[in-house]
């Protein structure tokens, strides 16, 4: 399982986040998602640690803690929801009398 870390500074690096969580155990992986269009950090990330006990200790210590001028939100990450492939979009040409007006 991984830990969700929210309300992060846009200046944070993977190394910064890893160092903070390393105080509570062994950090296996840090992910900081970026915006597809701008490449800018999205203000949240995910941390994976070696054991559930380490994750629990980090969550209890860091949730609500101020870091880099912001109060972090730290909790167990929820499984990713499958958004599916249906719905929305449109974008295709309509073949009816309304789309044929010139």
PDB file of N, CA and C in Angstrom:
ATOM      1  N   UNK A   1       0.854  -1.185   0.000  1.00  0.00           N
ATOM      2  CA  UNK A   1       0.000   0.000   0.000  1.00  0.00           C
ATOM      3  C   UNK A   1       0.889   1.233   0.000  1.00  0.00           C
ATOM      4  N   UNK A   2       0.349   2.330  -0.465  1.00  0.00           N
ATOM      5  CA  UNK A   2       1.147   3.543  -0.460  1.00  0.00           C
ATOM      6  C   UNK A   2       0.443   4.644   0.332  1.00  0.00           C
ATOM      7  N   UNK A   3       1.179   5.706   0.554  1.00  0.00           N
ATOM      8  CA  UNK A   3       0.708   6.842   1.338  1.00  0.00           C
ATOM      9  C   UNK A   3       0.451   7.999   0.384  1.00  0.00           C
ATOM     10  N   UNK A   4      -0.704   8.652   0.531  1.00  0.00           N
ATOM     11  CA  UNK A   4      -1.026   9.861  -0.210  1.00  0.00           C
ATOM     12  C   UNK A   4      -0.512  11.048   0.592  1.00  0.00           C
ATOM     13  N   UNK A   5       0.175  11.964  -0.077  1.00  0.00           N
ATOM     14  CA  UNK A   5       0.675  13.173   0.572  1.00  0.00           C
ATOM     15  C   UNK A   5       0.159  14.361  -0.228  1.00  0.00           C
ATOM     16  N   UNK A   6      -0.724  15.149   0.387  1.00  0.00           N
ATOM     17  CA  UNK A   6      -1.343  16.275  -0.309  1.00  0.00           C
ATOM     18  C   UNK A   6      -0.939  17.613   0.257  1.00  0.00           C
ATOM     19  N   UNK A   7      -1.318  18.651  -0.473  1.00  0.00           N
ATOM     20  CA  UNK A   7      -1.041  20.043  -0.121  1.00  0.00           C
ATOM     21  C   UNK A   7       0.464  20.305  -0.078  1.00  0.00           C
ATOM     22  N   UNK A   8       1.168  19.746  -1.061  1.00  0.00           N
ATOM     23  CA  UNK A   8       2.620  19.945  -1.142  1.00  0.00           C
ATOM     24  C   UNK A   8       2.966  21.228  -1.880  1.00  0.00           C
ATOM     25  N   UNK A   9       4.097  21.789  -1.540  1.00  0.00           N
ATOM     26  CA  UNK A   9       4.639  22.922  -2.271  1.00  0.00           C
ATOM     27  C   UNK A   9       4.971  22.477  -3.696  1.00  0.00           C
ATOM     28  N   UNK A  10       4.802  23.373  -4.656  1.00  0.00           N
ATOM     29  CA  UNK A  10       5.143  23.052  -6.041  1.00  0.00           C
ATOM     30  C   UNK A  10       6.659  23.004  -6.249  1.00  0.00           C
ATOM     31  N   UNK A  11       7.411  23.356  -5.223  1.00  0.00           N
ATOM     32  CA  UNK A  11       8.871  23.344  -5.301  1.00  0.00           C
ATOM     33  C   UNK A  11       9.482  22.045  -4.774  1.00  0.00           C
ATOM     34  N   UNK A  12       8.664  21.154  -4.211  1.00  0.00           N
ATOM     35  CA  UNK A  12       9.180  19.937  -3.588  1.00  0.00           C
ATOM     36  C   UNK A  12       9.806  19.015  -4.644  1.00  0.00           C
ATOM     37  N   UNK A  13      10.815  18.259  -4.213  1.00  0.00           N
ATOM     38  CA  UNK A  13      11.440  17.263  -5.088  1.00  0.00           C
ATOM     39  C   UNK A  13      11.237  15.873  -4.488  1.00  0.00           C
ATOM     40  N   UNK A  14      11.481  14.859  -5.289  1.00  0.00           N
ATOM     41  CA  UNK A  14      11.383  13.492  -4.779  1.00  0.00           C
ATOM     42  C   UNK A  14      12.367  13.276  -3.637  1.00  0.00           C
ATOM     43  N   UNK A  15      13.551  13.876  -3.758  1.00  0.00           N
ATOM     44  CA  UNK A  15      14.564  13.739  -2.706  1.00  0.00           C
ATOM     45  C   UNK A  15      14.105  14.377  -1.405  1.00  0.00           C
ATOM     46  N   UNK A  16      13.466  15.561  -1.495  1.00  0.00           N
ATOM     47  CA  UNK A  16      12.941  16.237  -0.300  1.00  0.00           C
ATOM     48  C   UNK A  16      11.934  15.350   0.423  1.00  0.00           C
ATOM     49  N   UNK A  17      10.972  14.839  -0.335  1.00  0.00           N
ATOM     50  CA  UNK A  17       9.912  14.038   0.255  1.00  0.00           C
ATOM     51  C   UNK A  17      10.460  12.732   0.827  1.00  0.00           C
ATOM     52  N   UNK A  18      11.382  12.130   0.121  1.00  0.00           N
ATOM     53  CA  UNK A  18      12.005  10.902   0.586  1.00  0.00           C
ATOM     54  C   UNK A  18      12.730  11.125   1.910  1.00  0.00           C
ATOM     55  N   UNK A  19      13.434  12.244   2.037  1.00  0.00           N
ATOM     56  CA  UNK A  19      14.170  12.544   3.265  1.00  0.00           C
ATOM     57  C   UNK A  19      13.236  12.704   4.458  1.00  0.00           C
ATOM     58  N   UNK A  20      12.088  13.347   4.259  1.00  0.00           N
ATOM     59  CA  UNK A  20      11.133  13.540   5.355  1.00  0.00           C
ATOM     60  C   UNK A  20      10.581  12.197   5.821  1.00  0.00           C
ATOM     61  N   UNK A  21      10.204  11.344   4.878  1.00  0.00           N
ATOM     62  CA  UNK A  21       9.608  10.058   5.237  1.00  0.00           C
ATOM     63  C   UNK A  21      10.648   9.058   5.732  1.00  0.00           C
ATOM     64  N   UNK A  22      11.898   9.227   5.351  1.00  0.00           N
ATOM     65  CA  UNK A  22      12.960   8.314   5.785  1.00  0.00           C
ATOM     66  C   UNK A  22      13.157   8.360   7.298  1.00  0.00           C
ATOM     67  N   UNK A  23      12.710   9.421   7.945  1.00  0.00           N
ATOM     68  CA  UNK A  23      12.807   9.504   9.404  1.00  0.00           C
ATOM     69  C   UNK A  23      11.920   8.455  10.087  1.00  0.00           C
ATOM     70  N   UNK A  24      10.975   7.888   9.328  1.00  0.00           N
ATOM     71  CA  UNK A  24      10.025   6.922   9.896  1.00  0.00           C
ATOM     72  C   UNK A  24      10.225   5.514   9.351  1.00  0.00           C
ATOM     73  N   UNK A  25      11.232   5.318   8.513  1.00  0.00           N
ATOM     74  CA  UNK A  25      11.509   3.993   7.983  1.00  0.00           C
ATOM     75  C   UNK A  25      12.126   4.055   6.596  1.00  0.00           C
ATOM     76  N   UNK A  26      12.164   2.912   5.968  1.00  0.00           N
ATOM     77  CA  UNK A  26      12.782   2.779   4.657  1.00  0.00           C
ATOM     78  C   UNK A  26      11.798   3.146   3.541  1.00  0.00           C
ATOM     79  N   UNK A  27      12.159   4.137   2.747  1.00  0.00           N
ATOM     80  CA  UNK A  27      11.312   4.587   1.639  1.00  0.00           C
ATOM     81  C   UNK A  27      11.649   3.774   0.397  1.00  0.00           C
ATOM     82  N   UNK A  28      10.637   3.102  -0.157  1.00  0.00           N
ATOM     83  CA  UNK A  28      10.849   2.289  -1.356  1.00  0.00           C
ATOM     84  C   UNK A  28      10.690   3.110  -2.636  1.00  0.00           C
ATOM     85  N   UNK A  29       9.693   4.009  -2.651  1.00  0.00           N
ATOM     86  CA  UNK A  29       9.441   4.775  -3.871  1.00  0.00           C
ATOM     87  C   UNK A  29       8.693   6.056  -3.549  1.00  0.00           C
ATOM     88  N   UNK A  30       8.977   7.103  -4.326  1.00  0.00           N
ATOM     89  CA  UNK A  30       8.271   8.381  -4.222  1.00  0.00           C
ATOM     90  C   UNK A  30       7.807   8.763  -5.624  1.00  0.00           C
ATOM     91  N   UNK A  31       6.545   9.142  -5.747  1.00  0.00           N
ATOM     92  CA  UNK A  31       6.001   9.599  -7.024  1.00  0.00           C
ATOM     93  C   UNK A  31       5.406  10.987  -6.843  1.00  0.00           C
ATOM     94  N   UNK A  32       5.762  11.908  -7.740  1.00  0.00           N
ATOM     95  CA  UNK A  32       5.193  13.247  -7.748  1.00  0.00           C
ATOM     96  C   UNK A  32       4.587  13.499  -9.130  1.00  0.00           C
ATOM     97  N   UNK A  33       3.267  13.292  -9.269  1.00  0.00           N
ATOM     98  CA  UNK A  33       2.628  13.477 -10.569  1.00  0.00           C
ATOM     99  C   UNK A  33       2.751  14.916 -11.070  1.00  0.00           C
ATOM    100  N   UNK A  34       2.876  15.040 -12.385  1.00  0.00           N
ATOM    101  CA  UNK A  34       2.955  16.363 -13.014  1.00  0.00           C
ATOM    102  C   UNK A  34       1.779  16.549 -13.961  1.00  0.00           C
ATOM    103  N   UNK A  35       1.445  17.795 -14.207  1.00  0.00           N
ATOM    104  CA  UNK A  35       0.395  18.142 -15.153  1.00  0.00           C
ATOM    105  C   UNK A  35       0.871  17.805 -16.562  1.00  0.00           C
ATOM    106  N   UNK A  36       0.036  17.149 -17.354  1.00  0.00           N
ATOM    107  CA  UNK A  36       0.433  16.742 -18.706  1.00  0.00           C
ATOM    108  C   UNK A  36       0.774  17.910 -19.611  1.00  0.00           C
ATOM    109  N   UNK A  37       0.031  18.994 -19.476  1.00  0.00           N
ATOM    110  CA  UNK A  37       0.228  20.116 -20.391  1.00  0.00           C
ATOM    111  C   UNK A  37       1.344  21.059 -19.971  1.00  0.00           C
ATOM    112  N   UNK A  38       1.447  21.340 -18.676  1.00  0.00           N
ATOM    113  CA  UNK A  38       2.428  22.330 -18.220  1.00  0.00           C
ATOM    114  C   UNK A  38       3.711  21.702 -17.695  1.00  0.00           C
ATOM    115  N   UNK A  39       3.647  20.417 -17.301  1.00  0.00           N
ATOM    116  CA  UNK A  39       4.812  19.767 -16.703  1.00  0.00           C
ATOM    117  C   UNK A  39       5.025  20.146 -15.248  1.00  0.00           C
ATOM    118  N   UNK A  40       4.155  21.001 -14.718  1.00  0.00           N
ATOM    119  CA  UNK A  40       4.275  21.477 -13.332  1.00  0.00           C
ATOM    120  C   UNK A  40       3.746  20.415 -12.375  1.00  0.00           C
ATOM    121  N   UNK A  41       4.346  20.337 -11.187  1.00  0.00           N
ATOM    122  CA  UNK A  41       3.868  19.419 -10.159  1.00  0.00           C
ATOM    123  C   UNK A  41       2.414  19.730  -9.831  1.00  0.00           C
ATOM    124  N   UNK A  42       1.669  18.705  -9.444  1.00  0.00           N
ATOM    125  CA  UNK A  42       0.240  18.865  -9.184  1.00  0.00           C
ATOM    126  C   UNK A  42      -0.072  19.125  -7.713  1.00  0.00           C
ATOM    127  N   UNK A  43       0.939  19.161  -6.848  1.00  0.00           N
ATOM    128  CA  UNK A  43       0.710  19.511  -5.444  1.00  0.00           C
ATOM    129  C   UNK A  43       0.418  18.334  -4.535  1.00  0.00           C
ATOM    130  N   UNK A  44       0.594  17.124  -5.063  1.00  0.00           N
ATOM    131  CA  UNK A  44       0.430  15.941  -4.229  1.00  0.00           C
ATOM    132  C   UNK A  44       1.392  14.871  -4.712  1.00  0.00           C
ATOM    133  N   UNK A  45       1.533  13.819  -3.901  1.00  0.00           N
ATOM    134  CA  UNK A  45       2.422  12.729  -4.281  1.00  0.00           C
ATOM    135  C   UNK A  45       2.077  11.461  -3.536  1.00  0.00           C
ATOM    136  N   UNK A  46       2.870  10.427  -3.806  1.00  0.00           N
ATOM    137  CA  UNK A  46       2.678   9.132  -3.171  1.00  0.00           C
ATOM    138  C   UNK A  46       4.017   8.616  -2.693  1.00  0.00           C
ATOM    139  N   UNK A  47       4.010   8.016  -1.509  1.00  0.00           N
ATOM    140  CA  UNK A  47       5.221   7.448  -0.927  1.00  0.00           C
ATOM    141  C   UNK A  47       4.936   6.005  -0.562  1.00  0.00           C
ATOM    142  N   UNK A  48       5.845   5.112  -0.938  1.00  0.00           N
ATOM    143  CA  UNK A  48       5.737   3.712  -0.529  1.00  0.00           C
ATOM    144  C   UNK A  48       6.872   3.426   0.443  1.00  0.00           C
ATOM    145  N   UNK A  49       6.522   2.760   1.540  1.00  0.00           N
ATOM    146  CA  UNK A  49       7.519   2.416   2.549  1.00  0.00           C
ATOM    147  C   UNK A  49       7.599   0.897   2.676  1.00  0.00           C
ATOM    148  N   UNK A  50       8.606   0.408   3.383  1.00  0.00           N
ATOM    149  CA  UNK A  50       8.872  -1.023   3.456  1.00  0.00           C
ATOM    150  C   UNK A  50       7.859  -1.827   4.253  1.00  0.00           C
ATOM    151  N   UNK A  51       7.211  -1.215   5.238  1.00  0.00           N
ATOM    152  CA  UNK A  51       6.262  -1.980   6.050  1.00  0.00           C
ATOM    153  C   UNK A  51       5.056  -1.125   6.426  1.00  0.00           C
ATOM    154  N   UNK A  52       3.978  -1.817   6.785  1.00  0.00           N
ATOM    155  CA  UNK A  52       2.771  -1.126   7.236  1.00  0.00           C
ATOM    156  C   UNK A  52       3.033  -0.327   8.509  1.00  0.00           C
ATOM    157  N   UNK A  53       3.876  -0.867   9.390  1.00  0.00           N
ATOM    158  CA  UNK A  53       4.180  -0.173  10.647  1.00  0.00           C
ATOM    159  C   UNK A  53       4.882   1.158  10.366  1.00  0.00           C
ATOM    160  N   UNK A  54       5.797   1.161   9.408  1.00  0.00           N
ATOM    161  CA  UNK A  54       6.496   2.406   9.043  1.00  0.00           C
ATOM    162  C   UNK A  54       5.523   3.405   8.425  1.00  0.00           C
ATOM    163  N   UNK A  55       4.632   2.904   7.583  1.00  0.00           N
ATOM    164  CA  UNK A  55       3.640   3.786   6.967  1.00  0.00           C
ATOM    165  C   UNK A  55       2.742   4.415   8.027  1.00  0.00           C
ATOM    166  N   UNK A  56       2.286   3.597   8.958  1.00  0.00           N
ATOM    167  CA  UNK A  56       1.412   4.094  10.023  1.00  0.00           C
ATOM    168  C   UNK A  56       2.121   5.156  10.857  1.00  0.00           C
ATOM    169  N   UNK A  57       3.383   4.910  11.209  1.00  0.00           N
ATOM    170  CA  UNK A  57       4.147   5.886  12.003  1.00  0.00           C
ATOM    171  C   UNK A  57       4.291   7.203  11.245  1.00  0.00           C
ATOM    172  N   UNK A  58       4.581   7.132   9.950  1.00  0.00           N
ATOM    173  CA  UNK A  58       4.746   8.348   9.142  1.00  0.00           C
ATOM    174  C   UNK A  58       3.430   9.114   9.038  1.00  0.00           C
ATOM    175  N   UNK A  59       2.337   8.396   8.803  1.00  0.00           N
ATOM    176  CA  UNK A  59       1.025   9.045   8.682  1.00  0.00           C
ATOM    177  C   UNK A  59       0.666   9.760   9.971  1.00  0.00           C
ATOM    178  N   UNK A  60       0.828   9.064  11.105  1.00  0.00           N
ATOM    179  CA  UNK A  60       0.473   9.662  12.397  1.00  0.00           C
ATOM    180  C   UNK A  60       1.325  10.881  12.718  1.00  0.00           C
ATOM    181  N   UNK A  61       2.598  10.843  12.354  1.00  0.00           N
ATOM    182  CA  UNK A  61       3.496  11.955  12.673  1.00  0.00           C
ATOM    183  C   UNK A  61       3.345  13.137  11.713  1.00  0.00           C
ATOM    184  N   UNK A  62       3.054  12.863  10.445  1.00  0.00           N
ATOM    185  CA  UNK A  62       3.134  13.925   9.442  1.00  0.00           C
ATOM    186  C   UNK A  62       1.801  14.524   9.005  1.00  0.00           C
ATOM    187  N   UNK A  63       0.691  13.846   9.268  1.00  0.00           N
ATOM    188  CA  UNK A  63      -0.597  14.406   8.860  1.00  0.00           C
ATOM    189  C   UNK A  63      -0.858  15.698   9.621  1.00  0.00           C
ATOM    190  N   UNK A  64      -1.023  16.778   8.885  1.00  0.00           N
ATOM    191  CA  UNK A  64      -1.261  18.091   9.486  1.00  0.00           C
ATOM    192  C   UNK A  64      -0.005  18.860   9.837  1.00  0.00           C
ATOM    193  N   UNK A  65       1.164  18.225   9.661  1.00  0.00           N
ATOM    194  CA  UNK A  65       2.426  18.906   9.991  1.00  0.00           C
ATOM    195  C   UNK A  65       2.742  19.977   8.945  1.00  0.00           C
ATOM    196  N   UNK A  66       3.316  21.076   9.391  1.00  0.00           N
ATOM    197  CA  UNK A  66       3.717  22.133   8.458  1.00  0.00           C
ATOM    198  C   UNK A  66       5.077  21.792   7.865  1.00  0.00           C
ATOM    199  N   UNK A  67       5.158  21.881   6.546  1.00  0.00           N
ATOM    200  CA  UNK A  67       6.411  21.611   5.845  1.00  0.00           C
ATOM    201  C   UNK A  67       6.446  22.472   4.596  1.00  0.00           C
ATOM    202  N   UNK A  68       7.512  23.193   4.416  1.00  0.00           N
ATOM    203  CA  UNK A  68       7.697  24.099   3.278  1.00  0.00           C
ATOM    204  C   UNK A  68       6.547  25.112   3.185  1.00  0.00           C
ATOM    205  N   UNK A  69       6.087  25.566   4.353  1.00  0.00           N
ATOM    206  CA  UNK A  69       5.051  26.597   4.402  1.00  0.00           C
ATOM    207  C   UNK A  69       3.633  26.104   4.192  1.00  0.00           C
ATOM    208  N   UNK A  70       3.425  24.797   4.188  1.00  0.00           N
ATOM    209  CA  UNK A  70       2.084  24.246   3.969  1.00  0.00           C
ATOM    210  C   UNK A  70       1.795  23.146   4.983  1.00  0.00           C
ATOM    211  N   UNK A  71       0.519  22.976   5.323  1.00  0.00           N
ATOM    212  CA  UNK A  71       0.095  21.894   6.217  1.00  0.00           C
ATOM    213  C   UNK A  71      -0.190  20.661   5.365  1.00  0.00           C
ATOM    214  N   UNK A  72       0.641  19.645   5.519  1.00  0.00           N
ATOM    215  CA  UNK A  72       0.500  18.440   4.711  1.00  0.00           C
ATOM    216  C   UNK A  72      -0.733  17.632   5.093  1.00  0.00           C
ATOM    217  N   UNK A  73      -1.325  17.000   4.101  1.00  0.00           N
ATOM    218  CA  UNK A  73      -2.383  16.011   4.297  1.00  0.00           C
ATOM    219  C   UNK A  73      -1.733  14.668   4.004  1.00  0.00           C
ATOM    220  N   UNK A  74      -1.722  13.790   4.989  1.00  0.00           N
ATOM    221  CA  UNK A  74      -1.042  12.501   4.829  1.00  0.00           C
ATOM    222  C   UNK A  74      -1.980  11.396   5.290  1.00  0.00           C
ATOM    223  N   UNK A  75      -2.284  10.454   4.382  1.00  0.00           N
ATOM    224  CA  UNK A  75      -3.125   9.318   4.743  1.00  0.00           C
ATOM    225  C   UNK A  75      -2.882   8.153   3.789  1.00  0.00           C
ATOM    226  N   UNK A  76      -3.486   7.008   4.108  1.00  0.00           N
ATOM    227  CA  UNK A  76      -3.361   5.840   3.231  1.00  0.00           C
ATOM    228  C   UNK A  76      -3.956   6.189   1.881  1.00  0.00           C
ATOM    229  N   UNK A  77      -3.248   5.858   0.831  1.00  0.00           N
ATOM    230  CA  UNK A  77      -3.761   6.115  -0.516  1.00  0.00           C
ATOM    231  C   UNK A  77      -4.911   5.169  -0.802  1.00  0.00           C
ATOM    232  N   UNK A  78      -5.946   5.700  -1.444  1.00  0.00           N
ATOM    233  CA  UNK A  78      -7.073   4.869  -1.849  1.00  0.00           C
ATOM    234  C   UNK A  78      -6.742   4.257  -3.206  1.00  0.00           C
ATOM    235  N   UNK A  79      -7.253   3.056  -3.470  1.00  0.00           N
ATOM    236  CA  UNK A  79      -7.003   2.456  -4.785  1.00  0.00           C
ATOM    237  C   UNK A  79      -7.540   3.353  -5.896  1.00  0.00           C
ATOM    238  N   UNK A  80      -6.851   3.364  -7.005  1.00  0.00           N
ATOM    239  CA  UNK A  80      -7.245   4.191  -8.131  1.00  0.00           C
ATOM    240  C   UNK A  80      -8.567   3.711  -8.698  1.00  0.00           C
ATOM    241  N   UNK A  81      -9.478   4.645  -8.944  1.00  0.00           N
ATOM    242  CA  UNK A  81     -10.763   4.282  -9.525  1.00  0.00           C
ATOM    243  C   UNK A  81     -10.605   4.101 -11.020  1.00  0.00           C
ATOM    244  N   UNK A  82     -11.265   3.080 -11.547  1.00  0.00           N
ATOM    245  CA  UNK A  82     -11.257   2.862 -12.985  1.00  0.00           C
ATOM    246  C   UNK A  82     -12.281   3.811 -13.596  1.00  0.00           C
ATOM    247  N   UNK A  83     -11.804   4.763 -14.374  1.00  0.00           N
ATOM    248  CA  UNK A  83     -12.699   5.745 -14.959  1.00  0.00           C
ATOM    249  C   UNK A  83     -13.449   5.179 -16.167  1.00  0.00           C
ATOM    250  N   UNK A  84     -12.991   4.059 -16.689  1.00  0.00           N
ATOM    251  CA  UNK A  84     -13.659   3.461 -17.835  1.00  0.00           C
ATOM    252  C   UNK A  84     -13.394   4.244 -19.104  1.00  0.00           C
ATOM    253  N   UNK A  85     -13.900   3.731 -20.209  1.00  0.00           N
ATOM    254  CA  UNK A  85     -13.654   4.397 -21.476  1.00  0.00           C
ATOM    255  C   UNK A  85     -14.895   5.066 -22.024  1.00  0.00           C
ATOM    256  N   UNK A  86     -16.013   4.946 -21.345  1.00  0.00           N
ATOM    257  CA  UNK A  86     -17.257   5.499 -21.875  1.00  0.00           C
ATOM    258  C   UNK A  86     -17.499   6.928 -21.439  1.00  0.00           C
ATOM    259  N   UNK A  87     -18.505   7.515 -22.042  1.00  0.00           N
ATOM    260  CA  UNK A  87     -18.975   8.833 -21.632  1.00  0.00           C
ATOM    261  C   UNK A  87     -18.156   9.988 -22.148  1.00  0.00           C
ATOM    262  N   UNK A  88     -18.800  11.129 -22.141  1.00  0.00           N
ATOM    263  CA  UNK A  88     -18.139  12.392 -22.470  1.00  0.00           C
ATOM    264  C   UNK A  88     -17.545  12.455 -23.853  1.00  0.00           C
ATOM    265  N   UNK A  89     -16.878  13.520 -24.104  1.00  0.00           N
ATOM    266  CA  UNK A  89     -16.113  13.657 -25.329  1.00  0.00           C
ATOM    267  C   UNK A  89     -16.872  14.279 -26.457  1.00  0.00           C
ATOM    268  N   UNK A  90     -17.802  13.549 -27.043  1.00  0.00           N
ATOM    269  CA  UNK A  90     -18.466  14.076 -28.228  1.00  0.00           C
ATOM    270  C   UNK A  90     -17.435  14.210 -29.326  1.00  0.00           C
ATOM    271  N   UNK A  91     -17.367  15.341 -29.920  1.00  0.00           N
ATOM    272  CA  UNK A  91     -16.292  15.633 -30.862  1.00  0.00           C
ATOM    273  C   UNK A  91     -16.475  15.052 -32.245  1.00  0.00           C
ATOM    274  N   UNK A  92     -17.322  14.053 -32.402  1.00  0.00           N
ATOM    275  CA  UNK A  92     -17.532  13.475 -33.726  1.00  0.00           C
ATOM    276  C   UNK A  92     -18.507  14.313 -34.529  1.00  0.00           C
ATOM    277  N   UNK A  93     -18.568  14.069 -35.827  1.00  0.00           N
ATOM    278  CA  UNK A  93     -19.523  14.801 -36.665  1.00  0.00           C
ATOM    279  C   UNK A  93     -20.896  14.181 -36.528  1.00  0.00           C
ATOM    280  N   UNK A  94     -21.881  15.032 -36.413  1.00  0.00           N
ATOM    281  CA  UNK A  94     -23.259  14.546 -36.359  1.00  0.00           C
ATOM    282  C   UNK A  94     -23.805  14.471 -37.775  1.00  0.00           C
ATOM    283  N   UNK A  95     -24.548  13.451 -38.048  1.00  0.00           N
ATOM    284  CA  UNK A  95     -25.104  13.286 -39.378  1.00  0.00           C
ATOM    285  C   UNK A  95     -26.613  13.494 -39.318  1.00  0.00           C
ATOM    286  N   UNK A  96     -27.018  14.713 -39.013  1.00  0.00           N
ATOM    287  CA  UNK A  96     -28.441  15.031 -39.005  1.00  0.00           C
ATOM    288  C   UNK A  96     -28.657  16.399 -39.636  1.00  0.00           C
ATOM    289  N   UNK A  97     -29.895  16.821 -39.701  1.00  0.00           N
ATOM    290  CA  UNK A  97     -30.207  18.064 -40.418  1.00  0.00           C
ATOM    291  C   UNK A  97     -29.570  19.296 -39.772  1.00  0.00           C
ATOM    292  N   UNK A  98     -29.310  19.268 -38.459  1.00  0.00           N
ATOM    293  CA  UNK A  98     -28.717  20.423 -37.798  1.00  0.00           C
ATOM    294  C   UNK A  98     -27.257  20.631 -38.185  1.00  0.00           C
ATOM    295  N   UNK A  99     -26.547  19.556 -38.462  1.00  0.00           N
ATOM    296  CA  UNK A  99     -25.119  19.701 -38.774  1.00  0.00           C
ATOM    297  C   UNK A  99     -24.895  19.993 -40.266  1.00  0.00           C
ATOM    298  N   UNK A 100     -25.956  19.951 -41.059  1.00  0.00           N
ATOM    299  CA  UNK A 100     -25.794  20.184 -42.505  1.00  0.00           C
ATOM    300  C   UNK A 100     -26.098  21.605 -42.929  1.00  0.00           C
ATOM    301  N   UNK A 101     -26.387  22.470 -42.013  1.00  0.00           N
ATOM    302  CA  UNK A 101     -26.682  23.854 -42.392  1.00  0.00           C
ATOM    303  C   UNK A 101     -25.414  24.571 -42.820  1.00  0.00           C
ATOM    304  N   UNK A 102     -25.528  25.339 -43.879  1.00  0.00           N
ATOM    305  CA  UNK A 102     -24.351  26.044 -44.396  1.00  0.00           C
ATOM    306  C   UNK A 102     -24.475  27.516 -44.243  1.00  0.00           C
TER     307      UNK A 102
END
